[in-house]
Amino acid sequence: MKGKRVPIAAQCNDHTAHLAGIRPKRFFTDAAAFARSQLLVTEYYGFDAPNNLWDVYNIEAEALGQKIIYHPGGIPDADRTDPLIKSPADLDKIKAPDPYRSGRMPWVHQINRIYMEMTGRPARAYFCAPFSLAVNIRGYENLIEDMAERPRFAHRLFTFLCDEVIGPYIEAMRLEIGNPGLLADGNDAWASPPLITLDMMDEYVVAYTERLRHRLGAKVVTRGNWGDAQSRDPERFMAQKLKCSPGFLSALDPDLYKIGPERVKAFAGEHDAFVTAGIDATLLYSGSPKAIAERIRHYINTMAADGRLAIYLNQIPSQTPPEHIHAAVAACRTYGRLPLSDNLAEMAFEFPQRESFSEFLQQRGEHLI
């Protein structure tokens, strides 16, 4: 571990658009503006992983015909008050999307091409996991009712989404990127207690992640689930999450803070899993830089001694003060050096004084118009 440190990354979409002065509708439809600004924000904050995640929950739904609302001040979202599938009979009317032509799927391929051209590094294949996609085109209440009263239809819907929508889309991304074995990373925030029970997690989340993996190979994961503290059985829920993302346990605030990082790390140690600790978006937005740094120090102190920890900023809200994010990165750099100091609380920590993003762009000779 000598010379290494705990890495930090983030989900940063509408915050990037805000910093760059790009209107959200353009940000989420102009591949060049999206890719360039995301890479510049990555460099500005010093994230250890490229900030290239798009509004991943919307792409497949929009390609199927689901109405998407482009909010003027934030990230787009599916209009679940007007679901694409209003009744089970509507499933038979839907055509599978063309992963090269439908909706903004071509936009995703453009982003990945531009990213590879700009960095010389391989792009990533992100997708919306089956459960969250089903919620976005059927509506949450309707889907839960289907599971209880029409399970045969619910399974037919999930099978269609896996085999006719998500699978071909992942294959297309891998082909365009030029790596047929590339990790496909699915996001599944809707598959979280108390929105679902743990029995539902087994039947509709774990099972259909494994269905995708059976078709596409071992490098398919779904994650981003929260609700550990409301699951009634956090260890069972964490075991289910490991089935969806073998070897890597994602534990996100506020649940990580509520159940305690010691408990999460003990479980991860028993199952030989790497931990990603997600920092609360509310804390990032409205907490003080001191509170943000202390949260990160606490997680590093309790979970990073073996070097198997990453810090992840769950979602950076649009108008989050940049000094909050700089503080988070600085805290990770200061406290996360490996091997860890015996007493992190006594380490000197200085809150960074950084230039604005516009000044950073001027220094780089960059213009985002």
Protein backbone atom coordinates (compact mmCIF):
# COMPACT_ATOMS: atom_id res chain seq x y z
CA MET A 1 0.00 0.00 0.00
CA LYS A 2 3.04 2.28 0.33
CA GLY A 3 2.70 5.43 -1.77
CA LYS A 4 -0.98 4.83 -2.51
CA ARG A 5 -4.09 6.60 -1.28
CA VAL A 6 -7.86 6.30 -1.09
CA PRO A 7 -9.36 7.47 -4.41
CA ILE A 8 -12.29 9.85 -4.73
CA ALA A 9 -14.86 10.14 -7.52
CA ALA A 10 -18.31 11.70 -7.95
CA GLN A 11 -21.66 11.67 -9.67
CA CYS A 12 -21.61 15.16 -11.11
CA ASN A 13 -24.04 16.18 -13.84
CA ASP A 14 -26.15 19.28 -13.31
CA HIS A 15 -23.38 20.75 -11.13
CA THR A 16 -21.04 20.56 -14.12
CA ALA A 17 -23.62 22.32 -16.30
CA HIS A 18 -23.99 25.01 -13.63
CA LEU A 19 -20.23 25.58 -13.32
CA ALA A 20 -19.78 25.65 -17.09
CA GLY A 21 -22.72 28.00 -17.66
CA ILE A 22 -24.36 25.53 -20.06
CA ARG A 23 -28.14 25.21 -20.01
CA PRO A 24 -29.22 21.73 -18.91
CA LYS A 25 -31.13 20.94 -22.12
CA ARG A 26 -28.02 21.60 -24.19
CA PHE A 27 -25.76 19.88 -21.68
CA PHE A 28 -27.77 16.66 -21.97
CA THR A 29 -28.07 16.74 -25.76
CA ASP A 30 -24.77 18.23 -27.02
CA ALA A 31 -22.17 15.45 -26.80
CA ALA A 32 -19.14 17.71 -27.31
CA ALA A 33 -20.26 20.24 -24.67
CA PHE A 34 -21.04 17.41 -22.23
CA ALA A 35 -17.76 15.52 -22.67
CA ARG A 36 -15.48 18.58 -22.66
CA SER A 37 -17.08 20.19 -19.63
CA GLN A 38 -17.14 16.94 -17.66
CA LEU A 39 -13.45 16.35 -18.26
CA LEU A 40 -12.58 19.93 -17.31
CA VAL A 41 -14.59 19.70 -14.08
CA THR A 42 -12.83 16.40 -13.33
CA GLU A 43 -9.50 18.19 -13.63
CA TYR A 44 -10.69 21.26 -11.70
CA TYR A 45 -11.69 19.23 -8.65
CA GLY A 46 -9.00 16.56 -9.01
CA PHE A 47 -11.28 13.53 -9.06
CA ASP A 48 -9.47 10.23 -9.49
CA ALA A 49 -12.00 8.86 -11.97
CA PRO A 50 -13.32 10.76 -15.00
CA ASN A 51 -16.58 12.53 -14.45
CA ASN A 52 -18.28 11.07 -17.52
CA LEU A 53 -21.58 9.66 -16.19
CA TRP A 54 -24.61 11.00 -18.06
CA ASP A 55 -28.27 10.99 -16.89
CA VAL A 56 -28.10 7.23 -16.97
CA TYR A 57 -31.67 6.51 -15.80
CA ASN A 58 -33.27 8.14 -18.82
CA ILE A 59 -31.54 6.81 -21.93
CA GLU A 60 -33.28 3.45 -22.43
CA ALA A 61 -36.65 4.78 -21.25
CA GLU A 62 -36.52 7.70 -23.68
CA ALA A 63 -35.44 5.39 -26.52
CA LEU A 64 -38.53 3.27 -25.84
CA GLY A 65 -40.78 6.35 -26.08
CA GLN A 66 -41.12 7.39 -22.45
CA LYS A 67 -41.61 11.14 -21.97
CA ILE A 68 -38.61 12.79 -20.33
CA ILE A 69 -38.83 16.16 -18.59
CA TYR A 70 -35.84 18.42 -19.18
CA HIS A 71 -35.78 20.57 -16.08
CA PRO A 72 -34.39 24.09 -16.62
CA GLY A 73 -32.25 23.95 -13.50
CA GLY A 74 -31.36 20.30 -13.02
CA ILE A 75 -31.01 16.78 -14.33
CA PRO A 76 -33.71 15.36 -16.67
CA ASP A 77 -36.13 12.79 -15.32
CA ALA A 78 -38.80 10.43 -16.64
CA ASP A 79 -42.36 11.72 -16.36
CA ARG A 80 -43.69 8.89 -14.21
CA THR A 81 -47.09 10.61 -13.98
CA ASP A 82 -47.50 9.65 -17.65
CA PRO A 83 -45.93 6.18 -17.94
CA LEU A 84 -45.29 4.59 -21.30
CA ILE A 85 -46.96 1.37 -20.11
CA LYS A 86 -50.27 2.42 -18.61
CA SER A 87 -51.71 -1.10 -18.66
CA PRO A 88 -50.20 -4.55 -19.22
CA ALA A 89 -51.61 -4.59 -22.75
CA ASP A 90 -49.35 -1.67 -23.69
CA LEU A 91 -46.26 -3.87 -23.47
CA ASP A 92 -47.28 -5.65 -26.67
CA LYS A 93 -47.42 -2.31 -28.50
CA ILE A 94 -43.85 -1.33 -27.71
CA LYS A 95 -41.02 -1.95 -30.13
CA ALA A 96 -37.49 -2.59 -28.96
CA PRO A 97 -35.28 0.45 -29.59
CA ASP A 98 -32.45 0.52 -32.08
CA PRO A 99 -29.34 0.96 -29.89
CA TYR A 100 -27.67 2.99 -32.66
CA ARG A 101 -30.58 5.25 -33.64
CA SER A 102 -33.26 5.54 -30.97
CA GLY A 103 -33.62 8.52 -28.64
CA ARG A 104 -30.31 9.69 -27.20
CA MET A 105 -28.56 6.35 -27.55
CA PRO A 106 -26.53 7.83 -30.47
CA TRP A 107 -25.64 10.75 -28.16
CA VAL A 108 -24.12 8.28 -25.67
CA HIS A 109 -21.98 6.74 -28.42
CA GLN A 110 -20.85 10.24 -29.42
CA ILE A 111 -19.87 11.06 -25.83
CA ASN A 112 -17.80 7.91 -25.59
CA ARG A 113 -16.05 8.57 -28.90
CA ILE A 114 -15.23 12.15 -27.92
CA TYR A 115 -14.03 11.03 -24.50
CA MET A 116 -11.68 8.46 -26.04
CA GLU A 117 -10.37 10.99 -28.56
CA MET A 118 -9.70 13.56 -25.85
CA THR A 119 -8.11 11.26 -23.29
CA GLY A 120 -6.78 8.25 -25.15
CA ARG A 121 -8.45 6.11 -22.51
CA PRO A 122 -11.30 3.59 -22.93
CA ALA A 123 -14.81 4.87 -22.24
CA ARG A 124 -17.33 3.24 -19.92
CA ALA A 125 -20.59 1.42 -20.58
CA TYR A 126 -23.28 2.73 -18.20
CA PHE A 127 -26.90 1.59 -18.28
CA CYS A 128 -30.13 1.78 -16.32
CA ALA A 129 -30.69 -1.43 -14.36
CA PRO A 130 -33.87 -3.43 -15.10
CA PHE A 131 -35.81 -2.52 -11.94
CA SER A 132 -35.24 1.23 -12.25
CA LEU A 133 -36.01 1.12 -15.95
CA ALA A 134 -39.27 -0.72 -15.24
CA VAL A 135 -40.22 1.99 -12.73
CA ASN A 136 -39.53 4.73 -15.25
CA ILE A 137 -41.77 3.29 -17.98
CA ARG A 138 -44.48 1.68 -15.82
CA GLY A 139 -44.60 3.94 -12.76
CA TYR A 140 -43.60 2.88 -9.26
CA GLU A 141 -47.10 2.22 -7.87
CA ASN A 142 -48.17 0.32 -10.98
CA LEU A 143 -45.06 -1.84 -10.92
CA ILE A 144 -45.44 -2.75 -7.26
CA GLU A 145 -49.08 -3.67 -7.93
CA ASP A 146 -47.95 -5.82 -10.88
CA MET A 147 -45.53 -7.70 -8.66
CA ALA A 148 -48.25 -8.40 -6.10
CA GLU A 149 -51.22 -9.09 -8.38
CA ARG A 150 -49.78 -9.79 -11.87
CA PRO A 151 -46.37 -11.41 -11.32
CA ARG A 152 -46.45 -13.19 -14.69
CA PHE A 153 -46.77 -9.83 -16.43
CA ALA A 154 -44.06 -8.31 -14.23
CA HIS A 155 -41.63 -11.06 -15.19
CA ARG A 156 -42.55 -10.68 -18.85
CA LEU A 157 -41.79 -6.96 -18.60
CA PHE A 158 -38.41 -7.56 -16.94
CA THR A 159 -37.50 -10.23 -19.48
CA PHE A 160 -38.33 -7.85 -22.34
CA LEU A 161 -36.24 -5.08 -20.81
CA CYS A 162 -33.24 -7.36 -20.30
CA ASP A 163 -33.35 -9.23 -23.60
CA GLU A 164 -34.66 -6.60 -26.02
CA VAL A 165 -33.53 -3.27 -24.55
CA ILE A 166 -30.64 -3.35 -22.08
CA GLY A 167 -28.72 -6.30 -23.50
CA PRO A 168 -28.52 -4.96 -27.09
CA TYR A 169 -27.68 -1.46 -25.78
CA ILE A 170 -24.74 -2.78 -23.73
CA GLU A 171 -23.53 -4.80 -26.72
CA ALA A 172 -23.71 -1.68 -28.90
CA MET A 173 -21.75 0.43 -26.40
CA ARG A 174 -19.09 -2.24 -26.11
CA LEU A 175 -18.83 -2.52 -29.89
CA GLU A 176 -18.58 1.25 -30.36
CA ILE A 177 -15.95 1.50 -27.62
CA GLY A 178 -14.06 -1.41 -29.15
CA ASN A 179 -14.03 -3.74 -26.16
CA PRO A 180 -16.54 -6.63 -26.16
CA GLY A 181 -15.60 -7.54 -22.58
CA LEU A 182 -15.87 -4.04 -21.11
CA LEU A 183 -17.45 -3.67 -17.67
CA ALA A 184 -21.11 -2.69 -17.99
CA ASP A 185 -22.14 -0.64 -14.97
CA GLY A 186 -25.87 -0.43 -14.18
CA ASN A 187 -27.48 2.11 -11.87
CA ASP A 188 -30.45 1.03 -9.74
CA ALA A 189 -31.46 3.62 -7.14
CA TRP A 190 -35.16 2.63 -7.33
CA ALA A 191 -34.29 -0.88 -6.13
CA SER A 192 -33.89 0.26 -2.54
CA PRO A 193 -35.75 -0.33 0.73
CA PRO A 194 -38.32 0.73 1.76
CA LEU A 195 -39.35 1.09 -1.90
CA ILE A 196 -38.93 -2.68 -2.25
CA THR A 197 -38.78 -5.61 0.15
CA LEU A 198 -35.77 -7.88 0.32
CA ASP A 199 -37.84 -10.69 -1.19
CA MET A 200 -38.53 -8.40 -4.16
CA MET A 201 -34.81 -7.68 -4.29
CA ASP A 202 -34.12 -11.39 -4.78
CA GLU A 203 -36.87 -11.96 -7.34
CA TYR A 204 -36.64 -8.82 -9.47
CA VAL A 205 -33.21 -7.28 -8.92
CA VAL A 206 -30.67 -10.01 -8.25
CA ALA A 207 -32.33 -12.45 -10.66
CA TYR A 208 -32.42 -10.03 -13.60
CA THR A 209 -28.90 -8.75 -13.01
CA GLU A 210 -27.83 -12.38 -13.22
CA ARG A 211 -29.89 -12.78 -16.40
CA LEU A 212 -27.94 -9.95 -18.01
CA ARG A 213 -24.69 -11.45 -16.77
CA HIS A 214 -25.61 -14.85 -18.24
CA ARG A 215 -26.06 -13.23 -21.66
CA LEU A 216 -23.28 -10.66 -21.59
CA GLY A 217 -20.58 -12.22 -19.45
CA ALA A 218 -19.32 -11.74 -15.92
CA LYS A 219 -18.50 -8.06 -16.30
CA VAL A 220 -22.03 -6.79 -15.76
CA VAL A 221 -22.93 -5.19 -12.44
CA THR A 222 -25.81 -3.21 -11.00
CA ARG A 223 -25.42 -0.93 -7.99
CA GLY A 224 -26.39 2.40 -6.48
CA ASN A 225 -28.95 0.85 -4.13
CA TRP A 226 -29.58 2.65 -0.85
CA GLY A 227 -31.88 1.95 2.09
CA ASP A 228 -29.66 -0.36 4.14
CA ALA A 229 -30.84 1.30 7.35
CA GLN A 230 -34.49 0.71 6.42
CA SER A 231 -34.10 -2.85 5.13
CA ARG A 232 -34.73 -4.49 8.55
CA ASP A 233 -31.82 -6.82 7.74
CA PRO A 234 -28.80 -4.83 6.52
CA GLU A 235 -26.56 -7.89 6.26
CA ARG A 236 -29.02 -9.68 3.98
CA PHE A 237 -29.37 -6.55 1.86
CA MET A 238 -25.60 -6.12 1.62
CA ALA A 239 -25.29 -9.75 0.56
CA GLN A 240 -27.85 -9.12 -2.18
CA LYS A 241 -25.91 -6.09 -3.34
CA LEU A 242 -22.75 -8.18 -3.55
CA LYS A 243 -24.58 -10.65 -5.80
CA CYS A 244 -25.35 -7.74 -8.12
CA SER A 245 -21.80 -6.37 -7.95
CA PRO A 246 -19.46 -9.22 -6.94
CA GLY A 247 -16.47 -8.14 -4.92
CA PHE A 248 -17.55 -4.52 -4.60
CA LEU A 249 -19.89 -3.28 -1.89
CA SER A 250 -21.46 0.15 -2.34
CA ALA A 251 -22.67 1.71 0.92
CA LEU A 252 -24.22 5.15 0.57
CA ASP A 253 -25.16 7.93 2.93
CA PRO A 254 -27.44 8.51 4.74
CA ASP A 255 -27.63 4.75 5.37
CA LEU A 256 -23.88 4.30 5.77
CA TYR A 257 -23.81 6.97 8.45
CA LYS A 258 -26.91 5.56 10.19
CA ILE A 259 -25.82 1.93 10.45
CA GLY A 260 -22.17 2.87 10.94
CA PRO A 261 -19.10 2.30 8.77
CA GLU A 262 -17.76 -0.23 11.30
CA ARG A 263 -20.68 -2.56 10.59
CA VAL A 264 -20.32 -2.17 6.82
CA LYS A 265 -16.57 -2.79 6.94
CA ALA A 266 -16.99 -5.86 9.13
CA PHE A 267 -19.41 -7.34 6.60
CA ALA A 268 -17.14 -6.45 3.69
CA GLY A 269 -14.20 -8.07 5.45
CA GLU A 270 -16.12 -11.29 5.96
CA HIS A 271 -16.93 -11.37 2.25
CA ASP A 272 -13.60 -10.13 0.88
CA ALA A 273 -15.22 -7.06 -0.68
CA PHE A 274 -13.89 -3.63 -1.63
CA VAL A 275 -16.05 -0.81 -0.21
CA THR A 276 -17.24 2.36 -1.91
CA ALA A 277 -18.43 4.88 0.68
CA GLY A 278 -20.98 7.35 -0.69
CA ILE A 279 -21.07 10.83 0.81
CA ASP A 280 -24.49 12.44 1.34
CA ALA A 281 -25.59 14.94 -1.34
CA THR A 282 -27.34 17.04 1.32
CA LEU A 283 -24.13 17.24 3.32
CA LEU A 284 -22.19 18.25 0.20
CA TYR A 285 -24.67 21.00 -0.61
CA SER A 286 -25.62 22.49 2.75
CA GLY A 287 -23.05 21.14 5.19
CA SER A 288 -19.94 23.07 6.14
CA PRO A 289 -16.55 22.25 4.60
CA LYS A 290 -15.46 21.19 8.09
CA ALA A 291 -18.37 18.74 8.44
CA ILE A 292 -17.68 17.30 4.97
CA ALA A 293 -13.99 16.79 5.78
CA GLU A 294 -14.82 15.19 9.13
CA ARG A 295 -17.28 12.74 7.52
CA ILE A 296 -14.62 11.65 5.03
CA ARG A 297 -11.99 11.37 7.76
CA HIS A 298 -14.35 9.18 9.81
CA TYR A 299 -14.99 6.83 6.91
CA ILE A 300 -11.31 6.58 6.02
CA ASN A 301 -10.35 6.00 9.64
CA THR A 302 -12.84 3.14 10.06
CA MET A 303 -12.65 1.48 6.62
CA ALA A 304 -9.40 2.22 4.78
CA ALA A 305 -6.69 0.52 6.84
CA ASP A 306 -6.49 -2.38 4.38
CA GLY A 307 -6.51 -0.03 1.37
CA ARG A 308 -9.84 -1.37 0.12
CA LEU A 309 -11.93 1.78 0.16
CA ALA A 310 -12.99 4.47 -2.30
CA ILE A 311 -14.88 7.66 -1.51
CA TYR A 312 -17.77 8.57 -3.81
CA LEU A 313 -19.75 11.81 -3.77
CA ASN A 314 -23.29 10.46 -4.23
CA GLN A 315 -24.62 13.37 -6.29
CA ILE A 316 -23.35 16.93 -6.36
CA PRO A 317 -26.42 19.19 -6.47
CA SER A 318 -26.37 21.90 -9.10
CA GLN A 319 -25.53 24.94 -6.97
CA THR A 320 -23.23 23.26 -4.48
CA PRO A 321 -20.47 25.70 -3.47
CA PRO A 322 -17.23 24.57 -5.16
CA GLU A 323 -15.32 25.05 -1.91
CA HIS A 324 -17.35 22.15 -0.46
CA ILE A 325 -16.11 19.80 -3.17
CA HIS A 326 -12.54 21.05 -2.94
CA ALA A 327 -12.72 20.35 0.82
CA ALA A 328 -13.94 16.80 0.16
CA VAL A 329 -11.10 16.10 -2.27
CA ALA A 330 -8.51 17.67 0.03
CA ALA A 331 -9.77 15.59 2.96
CA CYS A 332 -9.43 12.42 0.92
CA ARG A 333 -5.91 13.41 -0.13
CA THR A 334 -4.85 14.33 3.41
CA TYR A 335 -6.38 11.51 5.42
CA GLY A 336 -6.36 8.81 2.75
CA ARG A 337 -2.63 8.32 2.33
CA LEU A 338 -1.72 4.66 2.70
CA PRO A 339 -0.63 3.22 5.01
CA LEU A 340 -2.92 5.24 7.26
CA SER A 341 -1.64 7.42 10.04
CA ASP A 342 -2.19 5.99 13.52
CA ASN A 343 -4.16 9.07 14.55
CA LEU A 344 -5.95 10.87 11.73
CA ALA A 345 -7.66 13.25 14.18
CA GLU A 346 -4.31 14.85 14.98
CA MET A 347 -3.26 15.32 11.36
CA ALA A 348 -3.03 18.91 10.16
CA PHE A 349 -5.66 19.73 7.57
CA GLU A 350 -5.84 22.93 5.58
CA PHE A 351 -8.96 23.91 3.67
CA PRO A 352 -7.86 24.69 0.12
CA GLN A 353 -8.17 28.17 -1.34
CA ARG A 354 -8.88 27.68 -5.01
CA GLU A 355 -9.65 29.82 -8.01
CA SER A 356 -13.14 29.85 -9.48
CA PHE A 357 -13.99 27.51 -12.33
CA SER A 358 -14.10 30.44 -14.77
CA GLU A 359 -10.61 31.49 -13.64
CA PHE A 360 -9.47 27.87 -14.04
CA LEU A 361 -10.75 27.91 -17.63
CA GLN A 362 -8.96 31.19 -18.34
CA GLN A 363 -5.70 29.79 -17.02
CA ARG A 364 -6.13 26.77 -19.27
CA GLY A 365 -7.11 28.85 -22.29
CA GLU A 366 -10.42 26.97 -22.47
CA HIS A 367 -13.80 28.36 -23.49
CA LEU A 368 -17.13 26.61 -23.01
CA ILE A 369 -19.78 28.32 -25.13
